[in-house]
Amino acid sequence: MGLDQRREIALEAISEFGIPESRSCKLVRIKRSVYRYKPKFKDDSEVENAINKCIKKRRHGCAMIIKMIRKSGKIINHKRIRRVYKKMKLTLPKKVRKRLPERERKIIVQPLEANLTWSMDFMSDSLVNGRKFRTLNVMDDYNRELLTMEIASSIPAQRVIRTLDHLKESRGLPQRIRVDNGPEYISKALHQWAESNKLELMFIQPGKPTQIALLSV
């Protein structure tokens, strides 16, 4: 039960039943100073203007807004900023992590011939200037032949599909491809592509990267 509800109960006990203030406060377990407290309403226009300046180009979370206001040189209590931020209904929705389905552990068996099972995995590194890049490696599980290596700063699902389409034209597709649970591999676009090409995507168990690393090293 919140303080506001306790104040209301205490007020009702005093006004309707004539119970003394001290006793009614004791019944609802609040101090008399808390019961008598009246919030001081201030003009929040200054805080609202400061927040609006921060979100003029892009919406930010409350913590970032507080940092930006302090960086601008204005001294405003962080609790007040948070209260006005909530009053303006600017709270960003929480990012819900996509729940992965349970993956069954499967024994990794080396295929009896080439082009039956491929493994596909990402690697990342950075240049001398600090710029990061990724490589998409596709390997045949039979003879561990590196079929292709796509290199770019960003490799989304559509680029993964385009890379596989190039391999399809040059040497055909396997029966299955072993992948991890990265966002590029669990995307709807890749699933639809696999279904249209009658190909099985074999997912490793979450948190078990060695189930694919042994084949893609």
Protein backbone atom coordinates (compact mmCIF):
# COMPACT_ATOMS: atom_id res chain seq x y z
CA MET A 1 0.00 0.00 0.00
CA GLY A 2 1.42 3.39 -1.03
CA LEU A 3 1.72 6.55 1.07
CA ASP A 4 -1.09 8.28 -0.84
CA GLN A 5 -3.49 5.46 -0.04
CA ARG A 6 -2.48 5.52 3.63
CA ARG A 7 -3.05 9.27 3.79
CA GLU A 8 -6.53 8.81 2.31
CA ILE A 9 -7.41 6.10 4.86
CA ALA A 10 -6.13 8.27 7.71
CA LEU A 11 -8.10 11.27 6.42
CA GLU A 12 -11.27 9.16 6.14
CA ALA A 13 -10.79 7.82 9.68
CA ILE A 14 -10.41 11.37 11.05
CA SER A 15 -13.24 13.03 9.10
CA GLU A 16 -15.89 10.27 9.21
CA PHE A 17 -15.19 8.40 12.42
CA GLY A 18 -13.65 11.17 14.51
CA ILE A 19 -10.52 9.19 15.31
CA PRO A 20 -7.67 11.40 16.56
CA GLU A 21 -4.94 12.20 14.08
CA SER A 22 -2.20 10.51 16.08
CA ARG A 23 -4.19 7.27 16.41
CA SER A 24 -5.28 7.17 12.75
CA CYS A 25 -1.66 7.69 11.63
CA LYS A 26 -0.56 4.90 13.96
CA LEU A 27 -3.21 2.56 12.48
CA VAL A 28 -1.99 3.06 8.91
CA ARG A 29 1.67 3.11 10.04
CA ILE A 30 2.69 6.56 8.87
CA LYS A 31 4.20 9.49 10.76
CA ARG A 32 2.13 12.57 11.44
CA SER A 33 4.68 14.65 9.54
CA VAL A 34 4.13 12.43 6.51
CA TYR A 35 0.35 12.78 6.85
CA ARG A 36 0.58 16.59 7.05
CA TYR A 37 3.10 16.89 4.21
CA LYS A 38 1.91 18.92 1.23
CA PRO A 39 4.03 18.75 -1.92
CA LYS A 40 5.37 22.05 -3.22
CA PHE A 41 4.41 22.36 -6.86
CA LYS A 42 7.01 24.23 -8.89
CA ASP A 43 6.91 25.60 -12.40
CA ASP A 44 8.52 22.88 -14.53
CA SER A 45 8.61 24.91 -17.76
CA GLU A 46 12.39 25.40 -17.44
CA VAL A 47 12.96 21.64 -17.11
CA GLU A 48 10.56 20.89 -19.98
CA ASN A 49 12.37 23.35 -22.25
CA ALA A 50 15.73 21.78 -21.33
CA ILE A 51 14.40 18.30 -22.11
CA ASN A 52 12.85 19.44 -25.39
CA LYS A 53 16.20 20.84 -26.51
CA CYS A 54 17.83 17.48 -25.81
CA ILE A 55 15.25 15.51 -27.80
CA LYS A 56 14.98 17.99 -30.66
CA LYS A 57 16.88 15.75 -33.08
CA ARG A 58 16.60 12.36 -31.40
CA ARG A 59 14.84 10.78 -28.44
CA HIS A 60 17.06 9.72 -25.57
CA GLY A 61 16.67 7.83 -22.33
CA CYS A 62 16.35 9.68 -19.04
CA ALA A 63 19.96 8.98 -18.00
CA MET A 64 21.27 10.51 -21.23
CA ILE A 65 18.95 13.53 -20.82
CA ILE A 66 20.37 14.16 -17.32
CA LYS A 67 23.94 14.03 -18.68
CA MET A 68 23.12 16.39 -21.55
CA ILE A 69 21.44 18.94 -19.26
CA ARG A 70 24.38 18.87 -16.84
CA LYS A 71 26.82 19.21 -19.73
CA SER A 72 24.96 22.32 -20.90
CA GLY A 73 25.74 23.94 -17.53
CA LYS A 74 22.24 23.97 -16.01
CA ILE A 75 22.00 22.81 -12.41
CA ILE A 76 18.76 20.85 -12.04
CA ASN A 77 18.17 18.03 -9.59
CA HIS A 78 18.22 14.66 -11.35
CA LYS A 79 15.09 13.52 -9.49
CA ARG A 80 13.19 16.52 -10.83
CA ILE A 81 14.36 15.82 -14.38
CA ARG A 82 13.26 12.20 -14.04
CA ARG A 83 9.83 13.25 -12.72
CA VAL A 84 9.24 15.75 -15.53
CA TYR A 85 10.58 13.24 -18.08
CA LYS A 86 7.96 10.71 -16.95
CA LYS A 87 5.24 13.39 -16.85
CA MET A 88 6.02 14.22 -20.49
CA LYS A 89 5.58 10.50 -21.30
CA LEU A 90 8.96 10.25 -23.00
CA THR A 91 9.95 6.93 -21.46
CA LEU A 92 11.41 4.69 -24.14
CA PRO A 93 9.97 1.18 -24.49
CA LYS A 94 12.13 -1.57 -23.06
CA LYS A 95 13.97 -3.69 -25.57
CA VAL A 96 12.65 -7.22 -25.29
CA ARG A 97 15.27 -9.78 -26.12
CA LYS A 98 14.06 -12.26 -28.68
CA ARG A 99 13.60 -15.62 -27.00
CA LEU A 100 15.29 -18.43 -28.87
CA PRO A 101 13.62 -21.82 -29.18
CA GLU A 102 15.36 -24.71 -27.50
CA ARG A 103 18.01 -26.26 -29.70
CA GLU A 104 18.61 -29.96 -29.43
CA ARG A 105 22.17 -31.11 -29.09
CA LYS A 106 23.15 -33.07 -32.17
CA ILE A 107 26.25 -35.16 -32.69
CA ILE A 108 28.52 -33.53 -35.25
CA VAL A 109 29.24 -36.17 -37.89
CA GLN A 110 31.58 -35.62 -40.80
CA PRO A 111 29.69 -36.06 -44.11
CA LEU A 112 30.64 -38.93 -46.40
CA GLU A 113 30.98 -36.68 -49.45
CA ALA A 114 31.35 -33.05 -50.39
CA ASN A 115 28.50 -30.55 -50.73
CA LEU A 116 26.22 -32.30 -48.21
CA THR A 117 26.72 -30.10 -45.12
CA TRP A 118 28.19 -26.63 -44.87
CA SER A 119 29.10 -24.57 -41.83
CA MET A 120 28.65 -20.80 -41.81
CA ASP A 121 30.07 -18.44 -39.20
CA PHE A 122 31.22 -14.85 -38.66
CA MET A 123 34.61 -13.58 -37.59
CA SER A 124 35.49 -9.99 -36.72
CA ASP A 125 38.62 -7.86 -36.49
CA SER A 126 39.67 -4.24 -36.78
CA LEU A 127 42.00 -2.25 -39.05
CA VAL A 128 44.98 -0.16 -37.94
CA ASN A 129 42.75 2.94 -37.81
CA GLY A 130 40.35 1.13 -35.43
CA ARG A 131 37.58 0.53 -37.96
CA LYS A 132 35.92 -2.83 -37.38
CA PHE A 133 35.04 -5.31 -40.12
CA ARG A 134 33.46 -8.76 -40.32
CA THR A 135 34.04 -11.83 -42.43
CA LEU A 136 31.40 -14.39 -43.36
CA ASN A 137 33.05 -17.79 -43.76
CA VAL A 138 31.32 -20.68 -45.50
CA MET A 139 33.04 -24.05 -45.23
CA ASP A 140 32.32 -27.55 -46.49
CA ASP A 141 32.24 -29.98 -43.55
CA TYR A 142 33.51 -32.91 -45.64
CA ASN A 143 36.98 -31.64 -46.55
CA ARG A 144 36.96 -28.31 -44.63
CA GLU A 145 37.28 -26.43 -47.90
CA LEU A 146 36.66 -22.69 -47.54
CA LEU A 147 33.99 -22.04 -50.14
CA THR A 148 33.85 -18.26 -49.77
CA MET A 149 34.80 -15.42 -47.46
CA GLU A 150 32.68 -12.27 -47.60
CA ILE A 151 34.37 -9.22 -46.06
CA ALA A 152 32.53 -6.00 -45.14
CA SER A 153 31.94 -3.60 -42.26
CA SER A 154 28.34 -4.85 -42.03
CA ILE A 155 26.88 -8.14 -43.27
CA PRO A 156 23.09 -8.27 -42.69
CA ALA A 157 20.82 -11.19 -43.53
CA GLN A 158 20.20 -9.98 -47.11
CA ARG A 159 23.92 -9.98 -47.82
CA VAL A 160 24.22 -13.49 -46.36
CA ILE A 161 21.48 -14.61 -48.76
CA ARG A 162 23.23 -12.91 -51.69
CA THR A 163 26.48 -14.70 -50.82
CA LEU A 164 24.71 -18.07 -50.71
CA ASP A 165 23.02 -17.33 -54.04
CA HIS A 166 26.46 -16.80 -55.62
CA LEU A 167 27.56 -20.18 -54.26
CA LYS A 168 24.36 -21.73 -55.58
CA GLU A 169 25.22 -20.57 -59.09
CA SER A 170 28.85 -21.73 -58.92
CA ARG A 171 28.56 -25.13 -57.20
CA GLY A 172 24.97 -25.71 -56.05
CA LEU A 173 23.59 -25.85 -52.51
CA PRO A 174 24.03 -28.55 -49.83
CA GLN A 175 21.28 -30.38 -47.98
CA ARG A 176 21.91 -28.47 -44.75
CA ILE A 177 23.90 -25.56 -43.33
CA ARG A 178 25.06 -25.43 -39.72
CA VAL A 179 24.85 -21.95 -38.13
CA ASP A 180 24.76 -20.31 -34.71
CA ASN A 181 21.91 -18.23 -33.25
CA GLY A 182 23.05 -14.82 -34.52
CA PRO A 183 20.43 -12.27 -35.64
CA GLU A 184 21.39 -12.75 -39.30
CA TYR A 185 20.69 -16.48 -39.12
CA ILE A 186 17.42 -16.42 -37.17
CA SER A 187 15.91 -13.76 -39.47
CA LYS A 188 12.71 -14.50 -41.36
CA ALA A 189 14.38 -13.63 -44.66
CA LEU A 190 16.97 -16.42 -44.32
CA HIS A 191 14.32 -18.91 -43.16
CA GLN A 192 12.16 -18.13 -46.19
CA TRP A 193 15.17 -18.45 -48.48
CA ALA A 194 16.06 -21.85 -46.96
CA GLU A 195 12.47 -23.11 -47.38
CA SER A 196 12.31 -21.96 -51.00
CA ASN A 197 15.61 -23.76 -51.73
CA LYS A 198 14.57 -26.91 -49.77
CA LEU A 199 17.53 -26.53 -47.45
CA GLU A 200 17.75 -27.26 -43.71
CA LEU A 201 19.26 -24.75 -41.27
CA MET A 202 20.88 -26.61 -38.37
CA PHE A 203 21.19 -24.38 -35.29
CA ILE A 204 23.73 -25.05 -32.56
CA GLN A 205 22.78 -24.77 -28.88
CA PRO A 206 22.93 -21.21 -27.47
CA GLY A 207 26.13 -20.62 -25.53
CA LYS A 208 27.93 -23.54 -27.23
CA PRO A 209 30.05 -21.88 -29.94
CA THR A 210 32.43 -24.83 -30.11
CA GLN A 211 29.70 -26.85 -31.81
CA ILE A 212 30.45 -24.85 -34.93
CA ALA A 213 33.92 -23.47 -34.26
CA LEU A 214 35.48 -26.94 -34.55
CA LEU A 215 34.37 -27.01 -38.15
CA SER A 216 34.97 -23.37 -39.10
CA VAL A 217 38.49 -22.86 -37.68
